[in-house]
Protein backbone atom coordinates (compact mmCIF):
# COMPACT_ATOMS: atom_id res chain seq x y z
CA UNK A 1 121.69 31.65 59.16
CA UNK A 2 118.78 29.48 58.05
CA UNK A 3 115.81 30.24 60.31
CA UNK A 4 113.25 28.38 58.20
CA UNK A 5 110.81 26.23 60.11
CA UNK A 6 110.90 23.56 57.42
CA UNK A 7 114.11 22.12 58.82
CA UNK A 8 116.68 22.76 61.50
CA UNK A 9 120.21 21.55 62.11
CA UNK A 10 121.14 20.34 65.59
CA UNK A 11 124.27 18.41 66.58
CA UNK A 12 125.33 18.08 62.96
CA UNK A 13 122.06 16.44 61.82
CA UNK A 14 119.22 18.11 59.91
CA UNK A 15 115.67 17.31 60.99
CA UNK A 16 112.33 18.15 59.42
CA UNK A 17 109.07 18.60 61.36
CA UNK A 18 107.60 15.55 59.73
CA UNK A 19 110.65 13.40 60.25
CA UNK A 20 110.05 10.47 62.61
CA UNK A 21 113.34 8.63 62.36
CA UNK A 22 114.11 7.63 65.93
CA UNK A 23 117.42 5.99 64.95
CA UNK A 24 118.99 9.45 64.78
CA UNK A 25 120.47 10.75 68.03
CA UNK A 26 118.78 13.86 69.44
CA UNK A 27 119.71 16.12 72.30
CA UNK A 28 116.66 14.93 74.25
CA UNK A 29 117.97 11.35 74.02
CA UNK A 30 121.16 12.43 75.75
CA UNK A 31 119.27 14.25 78.52
CA UNK A 32 117.08 11.22 79.10
CA UNK A 33 120.08 8.94 79.36
CA UNK A 34 121.79 11.34 81.77
CA UNK A 35 118.61 11.53 83.88
CA UNK A 36 115.52 13.57 83.08
CA UNK A 37 115.20 15.23 86.48
CA UNK A 38 117.72 13.64 88.76
CA UNK A 39 119.83 15.08 91.56
CA UNK A 40 121.88 17.11 89.09
CA UNK A 41 118.88 18.89 87.58
CA UNK A 42 117.20 19.40 90.96
CA UNK A 43 120.39 20.94 92.29
CA UNK A 44 120.60 23.22 89.24
CA UNK A 45 117.04 24.46 89.81
CA UNK A 46 117.78 24.97 93.51
CA UNK A 47 120.77 27.14 92.60
CA UNK A 48 118.32 29.68 91.13
CA UNK A 49 116.49 30.16 94.44
CA UNK A 50 118.96 32.51 96.13
CA UNK A 51 119.60 34.78 93.10
CA UNK A 52 115.86 35.05 92.45
CA UNK A 53 115.26 35.99 96.08
CA UNK A 54 117.99 38.62 95.89
CA UNK A 55 116.60 39.92 92.60
CA UNK A 56 113.24 40.62 94.19
CA UNK A 57 114.89 42.09 97.26
CA UNK A 58 117.11 44.53 95.39
CA UNK A 59 114.24 45.44 93.06
CA UNK A 60 111.79 46.41 95.79
CA UNK A 61 114.01 47.51 98.67
CA UNK A 62 113.86 50.98 97.13
CA UNK A 63 110.23 51.13 98.32
CA UNK A 64 111.60 51.63 101.83
CA UNK A 65 114.91 53.25 100.94
CA UNK A 66 113.37 56.02 98.82
CA UNK A 67 110.12 56.59 100.65
CA UNK A 68 109.14 60.10 101.64
CA UNK A 69 109.52 61.22 105.24
CA UNK A 70 107.87 64.25 106.91
CA UNK A 71 110.12 67.29 106.56
CA UNK A 72 109.92 71.02 107.15
CA UNK A 73 112.22 74.00 106.65
CA UNK A 74 114.86 74.50 109.28
CA UNK A 75 113.78 77.72 111.05
CA UNK A 76 116.09 77.46 114.04
CA UNK A 77 116.89 81.19 113.65
CA UNK A 78 113.98 81.87 115.97
CA UNK A 79 115.50 79.62 118.66
CA UNK A 80 118.35 82.12 118.94
CA UNK A 81 115.74 84.65 120.13
CA UNK A 82 113.60 82.26 122.22
CA UNK A 83 115.48 78.96 122.81
CA UNK A 84 112.79 77.18 124.85
CA UNK A 85 110.17 76.92 122.09
CA UNK A 86 108.56 73.57 121.33
CA UNK A 87 108.51 72.21 117.76
CA UNK A 88 104.82 73.01 117.47
CA UNK A 89 105.31 76.61 118.59
CA UNK A 90 108.33 77.04 116.32
CA UNK A 91 106.44 75.79 113.26
CA UNK A 92 103.37 77.93 114.06
CA UNK A 93 105.44 81.09 114.10
CA UNK A 94 107.83 80.40 111.20
CA UNK A 95 105.99 78.22 108.68
CA UNK A 96 103.00 79.14 106.48
CA UNK A 97 100.05 76.78 106.30
CA UNK A 98 98.32 75.07 103.41
CA UNK A 99 94.62 75.29 102.69
CA UNK A 100 93.99 72.10 104.69
CA UNK A 101 95.73 73.56 107.77
CA UNK A 102 98.96 71.57 107.55
CA UNK A 103 102.35 73.29 107.46
CA UNK A 104 104.15 73.94 104.18
CA UNK A 105 107.11 71.61 103.74
CA UNK A 106 109.15 73.68 101.30
CA UNK A 107 108.34 77.25 102.32
CA UNK A 108 109.17 79.32 105.38
CA UNK A 109 108.67 82.87 106.59
CA UNK A 110 111.65 85.10 105.92
CA UNK A 111 113.72 85.77 109.06
CA UNK A 112 113.36 89.23 110.57
CA UNK A 113 115.37 91.26 113.08
CA UNK A 114 112.50 91.66 115.51
CA UNK A 115 112.13 90.78 119.15
CA UNK A 116 110.01 87.76 120.04
CA UNK A 117 107.01 89.72 121.32
CA UNK A 118 106.78 91.65 118.05
CA UNK A 119 106.89 88.44 116.03
CA UNK A 120 104.04 86.98 118.11
CA UNK A 121 102.01 90.17 117.94
CA UNK A 122 102.33 91.08 114.27
CA UNK A 123 103.24 87.72 112.75
CA UNK A 124 105.32 87.07 109.66
CA UNK A 125 104.02 87.36 106.09
CA UNK A 126 106.87 87.22 103.56
CA UNK A 127 107.70 83.67 102.50
CA UNK A 128 110.71 82.12 100.79
CA UNK A 129 112.06 78.63 99.97
CA UNK A 130 113.97 76.75 102.66
CA UNK A 131 117.41 78.29 103.15
CA UNK A 132 119.11 76.37 105.95
CA UNK A 133 118.16 72.78 105.29
CA UNK A 134 115.26 70.81 106.70
CA UNK A 135 114.03 69.35 109.96
CA UNK A 136 112.97 65.68 109.79
CA UNK A 137 110.39 64.73 112.37
CA UNK A 138 111.23 61.01 112.63
CA UNK A 139 114.92 61.07 113.40
CA UNK A 140 114.99 57.34 114.19
CA UNK A 141 114.32 56.42 110.57
CA UNK A 142 117.16 57.15 108.16
CA UNK A 143 116.45 56.86 104.43
CA UNK A 144 118.21 58.23 101.39
CA UNK A 145 115.67 61.06 101.44
CA UNK A 146 116.77 62.58 104.75
CA UNK A 147 120.44 61.62 104.41
CA UNK A 148 120.84 63.26 100.99
CA UNK A 149 118.01 65.81 101.44
CA UNK A 150 115.96 64.58 98.47
CA UNK A 151 113.09 66.95 99.16
CA UNK A 152 111.54 70.06 97.63
CA UNK A 153 113.64 71.08 94.60
CA UNK A 154 115.59 67.78 94.83
CA UNK A 155 112.54 65.56 95.15
CA UNK A 156 112.81 64.55 91.49
CA UNK A 157 116.14 62.83 92.27
CA UNK A 158 114.16 59.95 93.77
CA UNK A 159 112.42 59.30 90.49
CA UNK A 160 115.61 59.77 88.50
CA UNK A 161 117.16 56.96 90.56
CA UNK A 162 114.16 54.77 89.76
CA UNK A 163 114.58 55.54 86.08
CA UNK A 164 118.30 54.71 86.24
CA UNK A 165 117.31 51.35 87.71
CA UNK A 166 114.87 50.50 84.93
CA UNK A 167 117.29 51.78 82.27
CA UNK A 168 119.68 49.22 83.74
CA UNK A 169 116.97 46.58 83.29
CA UNK A 170 116.66 47.66 79.67
CA UNK A 171 120.40 47.65 79.05
CA UNK A 172 120.85 44.28 80.73
CA UNK A 173 118.17 42.70 78.58
CA UNK A 174 119.81 44.08 75.45
CA UNK A 175 123.29 42.72 76.11
CA UNK A 176 122.49 39.40 77.76
CA UNK A 177 121.61 37.60 74.53
CA UNK A 178 124.95 38.52 72.97
CA UNK A 179 126.84 37.51 76.10
CA UNK A 180 125.03 34.17 76.31
CA UNK A 181 125.91 33.41 72.71
CA UNK A 182 129.49 34.61 72.76
CA UNK A 183 130.84 33.52 76.14
CA UNK A 184 128.23 31.01 77.25
CA UNK A 185 125.46 30.80 79.82
CA UNK A 186 127.82 29.91 82.67
CA UNK A 187 130.08 32.95 82.32
CA UNK A 188 127.14 35.28 81.70
CA UNK A 189 125.47 34.16 84.92
CA UNK A 190 128.69 34.59 86.87
CA UNK A 191 129.03 38.15 85.54
CA UNK A 192 125.50 38.98 86.67
CA UNK A 193 126.09 37.41 90.09
CA UNK A 194 129.28 39.45 90.42
CA UNK A 195 127.23 42.59 89.75
CA UNK A 196 124.85 41.50 92.51
CA UNK A 197 127.73 41.15 94.94
CA UNK A 198 129.59 44.34 94.03
CA UNK A 199 126.75 46.78 93.43
CA UNK A 200 123.97 45.23 95.53
CA UNK A 201 125.91 44.78 98.74
CA UNK A 202 128.14 47.76 97.90
CA UNK A 203 125.22 50.19 97.78
CA UNK A 204 125.46 50.36 101.56
CA UNK A 205 128.72 52.28 101.22
CA UNK A 206 127.91 54.87 98.53
CA UNK A 207 129.23 58.35 99.46
CA UNK A 208 126.59 60.40 97.63
CA UNK A 209 123.37 60.03 95.70
CA UNK A 210 125.03 60.27 92.28
CA UNK A 211 126.98 57.08 93.03
CA UNK A 212 123.76 55.54 94.35
CA UNK A 213 122.08 56.11 90.98
CA UNK A 214 125.02 54.50 89.17
CA UNK A 215 124.80 51.47 91.46
CA UNK A 216 121.05 51.23 90.80
CA UNK A 217 121.76 51.08 87.08
CA UNK A 218 124.20 48.20 87.63
CA UNK A 219 121.73 46.32 89.83
CA UNK A 220 119.11 46.65 87.07
CA UNK A 221 121.56 45.14 84.60
CA UNK A 222 122.22 42.23 86.97
CA UNK A 223 118.53 41.49 87.61
CA UNK A 224 117.43 41.38 83.96
CA UNK A 225 120.64 39.70 82.82
CA UNK A 226 120.36 36.94 85.38
CA UNK A 227 116.67 36.36 84.69
CA UNK A 228 117.34 35.74 80.98
CA UNK A 229 120.57 33.76 81.24
CA UNK A 230 119.38 31.52 84.10
CA UNK A 231 116.18 30.57 82.28
CA UNK A 232 118.24 29.66 79.21
CA UNK A 233 120.63 27.49 81.24
CA UNK A 234 117.93 25.68 83.22
CA UNK A 235 115.71 24.92 80.23
CA UNK A 236 118.63 23.55 78.22
CA UNK A 237 119.36 21.04 80.97
CA UNK A 238 115.73 19.85 81.20
CA UNK A 239 113.45 17.87 78.92
CA UNK A 240 110.21 19.54 77.88
CA UNK A 241 108.00 17.89 80.50
CA UNK A 242 110.16 19.24 83.33
CA UNK A 243 110.66 22.81 82.20
CA UNK A 244 107.36 24.30 83.37
CA UNK A 245 107.50 23.02 86.99
CA UNK A 246 111.15 24.08 87.27
CA UNK A 247 110.57 27.64 86.05
CA UNK A 248 107.46 28.05 88.20
CA UNK A 249 109.29 26.79 91.29
CA UNK A 250 112.21 29.14 90.65
CA UNK A 251 109.90 32.12 90.15
CA UNK A 252 108.12 31.40 93.44
CA UNK A 253 111.22 32.56 95.28
CA UNK A 254 110.64 36.09 94.02
CA UNK A 255 107.80 36.14 96.54
CA UNK A 256 110.18 35.21 99.36
CA UNK A 257 112.39 38.11 98.32
CA UNK A 258 109.46 40.49 98.71
CA UNK A 259 108.63 39.06 102.13
CA UNK A 260 112.28 39.49 103.09
CA UNK A 261 112.13 43.17 102.06
CA UNK A 262 109.07 43.85 104.20
CA UNK A 263 110.38 41.90 107.20
CA UNK A 264 113.76 43.63 107.28
CA UNK A 265 112.22 47.02 106.41
CA UNK A 266 110.01 46.78 109.48
CA UNK A 267 112.83 46.03 111.92
CA UNK A 268 115.70 47.97 110.33
CA UNK A 269 115.09 51.75 110.08
CA UNK A 270 118.49 52.52 108.48
CA UNK A 271 118.70 52.25 104.68
CA UNK A 272 122.39 51.33 104.64
CA UNK A 273 121.78 48.45 107.05
CA UNK A 274 118.97 47.25 104.77
CA UNK A 275 121.48 46.81 101.96
CA UNK A 276 124.08 45.28 104.30
CA UNK A 277 121.80 42.72 105.91
CA UNK A 278 119.73 41.94 102.82
CA UNK A 279 122.79 41.77 100.59
CA UNK A 280 124.85 39.61 102.96
CA UNK A 281 123.76 36.32 101.28
CA UNK A 282 125.68 37.35 98.14
CA UNK A 283 128.79 35.82 99.71
CA UNK A 284 127.25 32.39 99.06
CA UNK A 285 127.15 33.17 95.34
CA UNK A 286 130.92 32.80 95.21
CA UNK A 287 130.45 29.01 95.35
CA UNK A 288 128.63 29.13 91.99
CA UNK A 289 132.03 29.43 90.30
CA UNK A 290 132.64 25.75 91.08
CA UNK A 291 129.17 24.19 91.21
CA UNK A 292 127.33 25.85 88.30
CA UNK A 293 127.53 23.83 85.04
CA UNK A 294 127.70 25.09 81.48
CA UNK A 295 124.93 24.26 79.02
CA UNK A 296 125.89 21.21 76.93
CA UNK A 297 123.69 22.53 74.12
CA UNK A 298 125.72 25.74 73.93
CA UNK A 299 128.94 23.73 73.96
CA UNK A 300 127.66 21.60 71.08
CA UNK A 301 126.62 24.67 69.08
CA UNK A 302 130.13 26.09 69.58
CA UNK A 303 131.74 22.85 68.39
CA UNK A 304 133.23 21.97 71.80
CA UNK A 305 132.45 18.27 71.64
CA UNK A 306 134.74 16.97 74.39
CA UNK A 307 133.57 19.57 76.90
CA UNK A 308 129.95 18.75 76.08
CA UNK A 309 130.64 15.04 76.67
CA UNK A 310 132.33 15.88 79.97
CA UNK A 311 129.40 17.89 81.42
CA UNK A 312 126.91 15.25 80.26
CA UNK A 313 128.94 12.47 81.90
CA UNK A 314 129.21 14.58 85.05
CA UNK A 315 125.42 15.01 85.15
CA UNK A 316 124.92 11.27 84.62
CA UNK A 317 127.39 10.50 87.42
CA UNK A 318 125.55 12.76 89.89
CA UNK A 319 122.24 11.16 88.84
CA UNK A 320 123.79 7.69 89.21
CA UNK A 321 123.20 6.97 85.56
CA UNK A 322 125.48 5.94 82.72
CA UNK A 323 125.31 7.29 79.18
CA UNK A 324 126.05 4.45 76.74
CA UNK A 325 129.40 4.85 75.03
CA UNK A 326 127.87 4.40 71.58
CA UNK A 327 125.58 7.43 72.15
CA UNK A 328 128.49 9.66 73.09
CA UNK A 329 130.39 8.34 70.11
CA UNK A 330 127.51 9.28 67.78
CA UNK A 331 127.44 12.79 69.20
CA UNK A 332 128.32 15.22 66.43
CA UNK A 333 128.93 18.88 67.14
CA UNK A 334 128.76 21.48 64.41
CA UNK A 335 129.37 25.14 65.14
CA UNK A 336 126.17 27.12 64.57
CA UNK A 337 126.23 30.82 63.55
CA UNK A 338 125.18 33.26 66.24
CA UNK A 339 121.50 34.11 66.34
CA UNK A 340 120.54 37.78 66.08
CA UNK A 341 117.44 39.92 65.93
CA UNK A 342 117.73 39.84 62.13
CA UNK A 343 117.47 36.05 62.26
CA UNK A 344 114.03 36.46 63.77
CA UNK A 345 112.88 39.27 61.48
CA UNK A 346 113.87 37.40 58.32
CA UNK A 347 111.35 34.62 58.97
CA UNK A 348 107.70 35.55 58.55
CA UNK A 349 106.33 33.18 61.19
CA UNK A 350 108.99 34.09 63.75
CA UNK A 351 108.47 37.76 62.97
CA UNK A 352 104.72 37.57 63.58
CA UNK A 353 105.27 35.52 66.71
CA UNK A 354 107.77 38.03 68.07
CA UNK A 355 105.51 41.01 67.44
CA UNK A 356 102.72 39.37 69.44
CA UNK A 357 105.12 38.44 72.25
CA UNK A 358 106.58 41.94 72.44
CA UNK A 359 103.16 43.53 72.73
CA UNK A 360 101.91 40.98 75.24
CA UNK A 361 105.01 41.40 77.42
CA UNK A 362 104.71 45.17 77.09
CA UNK A 363 101.12 45.06 78.32
CA UNK A 364 101.81 42.55 81.09
CA UNK A 365 104.59 44.74 82.42
CA UNK A 366 102.40 47.82 82.14
CA UNK A 367 99.66 46.16 84.18
CA UNK A 368 102.00 44.70 86.80
CA UNK A 369 103.89 47.88 87.59
CA UNK A 370 100.79 50.05 87.29
CA UNK A 371 98.97 47.75 89.71
CA UNK A 372 101.90 48.13 92.12
CA UNK A 373 101.59 51.91 91.81
CA UNK A 374 97.83 51.77 92.32
CA UNK A 375 98.36 49.81 95.54
CA UNK A 376 100.23 52.79 96.99
CA UNK A 377 97.09 54.93 96.75
CA UNK A 378 95.06 52.44 98.80
CA UNK A 379 95.45 52.98 102.52
CA UNK A 380 97.13 49.77 103.59
CA UNK A 381 99.96 48.98 105.96
CA UNK A 382 103.02 48.97 103.67
CA UNK A 383 104.72 46.22 105.67
CA UNK A 384 101.67 43.96 105.87
CA UNK A 385 100.82 44.36 102.18
CA UNK A 386 104.38 43.47 101.16
CA UNK A 387 104.05 40.20 103.07
CA UNK A 388 100.44 39.24 102.32
CA UNK A 389 100.47 39.92 98.58
CA UNK A 390 103.70 38.03 97.73
CA UNK A 391 102.66 35.02 99.84
CA UNK A 392 99.36 34.92 97.98
CA UNK A 393 101.33 34.68 94.72
CA UNK A 394 103.03 31.41 95.71
CA UNK A 395 99.95 29.12 95.56
CA UNK A 396 98.84 30.78 92.32
CA UNK A 397 102.20 30.00 90.72
CA UNK A 398 102.10 26.38 91.86
CA UNK A 399 98.54 26.09 90.56
CA UNK A 400 99.98 27.00 87.18
CA UNK A 401 102.04 23.78 87.27
CA UNK A 402 98.80 21.81 87.02
CA UNK A 403 97.05 24.18 84.64
CA UNK A 404 99.83 24.39 82.05
CA UNK A 405 100.01 20.61 81.87
CA UNK A 406 96.26 19.99 81.82
CA UNK A 407 95.02 22.99 79.82
CA UNK A 408 98.12 24.05 77.95
CA UNK A 409 100.12 27.26 77.95
CA UNK A 410 97.77 29.32 75.80
CA UNK A 411 94.62 28.55 77.79
CA UNK A 412 96.35 29.04 81.14
CA UNK A 413 97.73 32.40 80.10
CA UNK A 414 94.32 33.48 78.81
CA UNK A 415 92.69 32.55 82.13
CA UNK A 416 95.24 34.47 84.21
CA UNK A 417 94.89 37.56 82.03
CA UNK A 418 91.09 37.41 82.15
CA UNK A 419 91.35 37.35 85.95
CA UNK A 420 93.56 40.45 85.86
CA UNK A 421 91.27 42.19 83.39
CA UNK A 422 88.21 41.46 85.53
CA UNK A 423 89.88 42.64 88.72
CA UNK A 424 91.17 45.89 87.25
CA UNK A 425 88.00 46.68 85.32
CA UNK A 426 85.82 46.08 88.35
CA UNK A 427 88.03 48.14 90.67
CA UNK A 428 87.57 51.13 88.34
CA UNK A 429 83.88 51.26 89.34
CA UNK A 430 84.26 50.39 93.02
CA UNK A 431 84.00 53.20 95.54
CA UNK A 432 87.14 53.71 97.58
CA UNK A 433 84.92 53.59 100.68
CA UNK A 434 84.48 49.85 100.06
CA UNK A 435 87.97 49.14 101.34
CA UNK A 436 87.70 45.36 101.71
CA UNK A 437 86.34 44.87 98.17
CA UNK A 438 89.00 47.17 96.71
CA UNK A 439 91.79 45.26 98.48
CA UNK A 440 90.32 41.93 97.35
CA UNK A 441 90.31 43.05 93.73
CA UNK A 442 93.89 44.34 93.99
CA UNK A 443 94.91 40.99 95.48
CA UNK A 444 93.14 39.13 92.67
CA UNK A 445 94.84 41.25 90.03
CA UNK A 446 98.24 40.85 91.68
CA UNK A 447 97.89 37.07 91.87
CA UNK A 448 96.72 36.80 88.26
CA UNK A 449 99.51 39.01 86.98
CA UNK A 450 102.21 37.07 88.85
CA UNK A 451 100.90 33.84 87.35
CA UNK A 452 100.72 35.42 83.89
CA UNK A 453 104.36 36.51 84.04
CA UNK A 454 105.52 33.01 85.00
CA UNK A 455 103.46 31.31 82.28
CA UNK A 456 104.70 33.86 79.73
CA UNK A 457 108.30 32.96 80.56
CA UNK A 458 107.55 29.28 79.96
CA UNK A 459 105.67 30.02 76.77
CA UNK A 460 108.32 32.34 75.37
CA UNK A 461 111.22 29.97 76.02
CA UNK A 462 109.48 27.02 74.38
CA UNK A 463 108.47 28.86 71.21
CA UNK A 464 111.96 29.52 69.91
CA UNK A 465 114.97 27.38 68.92
CA UNK A 466 118.06 27.59 71.13
CA UNK A 467 120.04 29.87 68.84
CA UNK A 468 117.30 32.50 68.96
CA UNK A 469 115.98 31.94 72.47
CA UNK A 470 118.14 34.57 74.16
CA UNK A 471 117.26 37.25 71.62
CA UNK A 472 113.59 36.46 71.97
CA UNK A 473 113.88 36.71 75.75
CA UNK A 474 115.07 40.25 75.23
CA UNK A 475 111.58 41.28 74.30
CA UNK A 476 111.57 42.39 77.94
CA UNK A 477 113.46 45.39 76.60
CA UNK A 478 110.14 46.68 75.36
CA UNK A 479 108.57 46.45 78.75
CA UNK A 480 111.51 48.27 80.39
CA UNK A 481 110.59 51.37 78.37
CA UNK A 482 107.11 51.22 79.80
CA UNK A 483 108.51 50.96 83.32
CA UNK A 484 110.52 54.16 82.79
CA UNK A 485 107.32 55.90 81.77
CA UNK A 486 105.58 54.52 84.85
CA UNK A 487 108.29 55.81 87.16
CA UNK A 488 107.95 59.34 85.83
CA UNK A 489 104.15 59.45 85.78
CA UNK A 490 103.71 58.24 89.39
CA UNK A 491 99.92 58.06 89.01
CA UNK A 492 97.76 55.17 87.84
CA UNK A 493 94.13 54.89 86.87
CA UNK A 494 92.34 51.58 87.35
CA UNK A 495 90.48 51.89 84.05
CA UNK A 496 93.84 52.09 82.23
CA UNK A 497 94.84 48.82 83.88
CA UNK A 498 91.71 47.09 82.70
CA UNK A 499 92.19 48.40 79.17
CA UNK A 500 95.73 47.03 79.02
CA UNK A 501 94.63 43.67 80.41
CA UNK A 502 91.78 43.35 77.93
CA UNK A 503 94.11 44.21 75.04
CA UNK A 504 96.44 41.45 76.17
CA UNK A 505 93.56 38.98 76.19
CA UNK A 506 92.55 40.08 72.70
CA UNK A 507 96.14 39.60 71.54
CA UNK A 508 96.15 36.08 72.93
CA UNK A 509 93.75 35.09 70.17
CA UNK A 510 96.67 35.38 67.76
CA UNK A 511 99.20 33.78 70.09
CA UNK A 512 100.75 30.67 68.45
CA UNK A 513 100.47 27.30 70.16
CA UNK A 514 103.74 25.53 71.05
CA UNK A 515 103.83 22.60 68.60
CA UNK A 516 105.48 20.11 70.89
CA UNK A 517 104.54 17.30 68.51
CA UNK A 518 106.91 18.73 65.93
CA UNK A 519 110.50 17.70 66.01
CA UNK A 520 111.62 21.33 65.64
CA UNK A 521 110.30 22.19 69.08
CA UNK A 522 111.24 18.94 70.76
CA UNK A 523 114.92 19.34 69.93
CA UNK A 524 115.21 23.07 70.62
């Protein structure tokens, strides 16, 4: 496949960057005739709201589903000797204490065949791991931890499930490009939505934790796969001037998903009900089979001329527009070879561009997930923080609509990353006693990082031609590896966050500008 930037073939016609012949039909001409941002396009963007909300919900519901609960060894053997003991008296006699005076959670005194008075008088000294299960103090709250006993020697199972989730994100990002090219954007999105319905809602019925981990892997595939395929479909139905506002608006609904997690987590103490109630909206995704359109650009690249004409006429009809017959007659479809990673690596400019994008996405992901981990070490109400922080992201994302149009993608991304770098670097030197300042800096970093991710999506999509766009989107595969590392490390240092953010800003110096004035970008 010819990936040279000197010319590109679209719809059977070869264009050069310097070519200014406006008598030749372009894909943008067809979109403009069908309606740049009419009812059809607005409806298409609106269709991304629910899946994006569910993506955020299923991604972060594990914060409440897998959280630790107070637990202690089951030492009810002593109740057989003295049945009227209180919990406090039982623990005092049967559990060893830590240096800080709290009871050990995974150790107990070995049972003895003594009478109660002897136990009180002489005490117990020999310890052993828990033998008869655990006692959970808060019996009203049921999580996967106390249902499947993910404590002590099984505590690592929680982090294995997190890793299975992010491995699913990695796998989904690797296969989505191929699926989008081979079977189309429409079918790929439907597959991902089916995974949402089956494995997201179905998690409420898993019989054991092994099945839960498998379902988490599938949900990860669905989240990353939908994110890539939906962006491809939406951008290929929009002209350049409408892409940024549409993507930013769609991404804002991730924040509503986070608010939904916190709201339901506060009122629903049962983890299975969290998946049932939160996953219930997946039934509305069934309607996407009939209302979601295919990308006309993909149809043209696959040589399906009549189908491409049909979806374009359908869009024009919904927008109350009419595409002139002579334009449809001039439409020429030529099947284009599938784009691959090799197509990117064979071109020097694309190769350099991709290396920068991979590193920037890697660092952005590192900062975002590390910042989320750092928030856990700050003493904040988990429910309040999961509402306040996402809602603060919404205005920052909408501010990006103005900034990307007035200042450009490169400048906007640099500003957001400088904000993150400043917040993280400053927090490294702030005493934890200054709670309000620490929280303000975390909020600033969180807002800047959310905006940076949205702008990076816009930037990345617009830098590549359609045949390579899906493969380039899979640079998120790189960041998935970092997330796996984050899940296993569990600890975060603020200075590391600032270092990553500053490296991203340094890398932006070599970030290429989207040459919208060139025909190559305007038609891809």
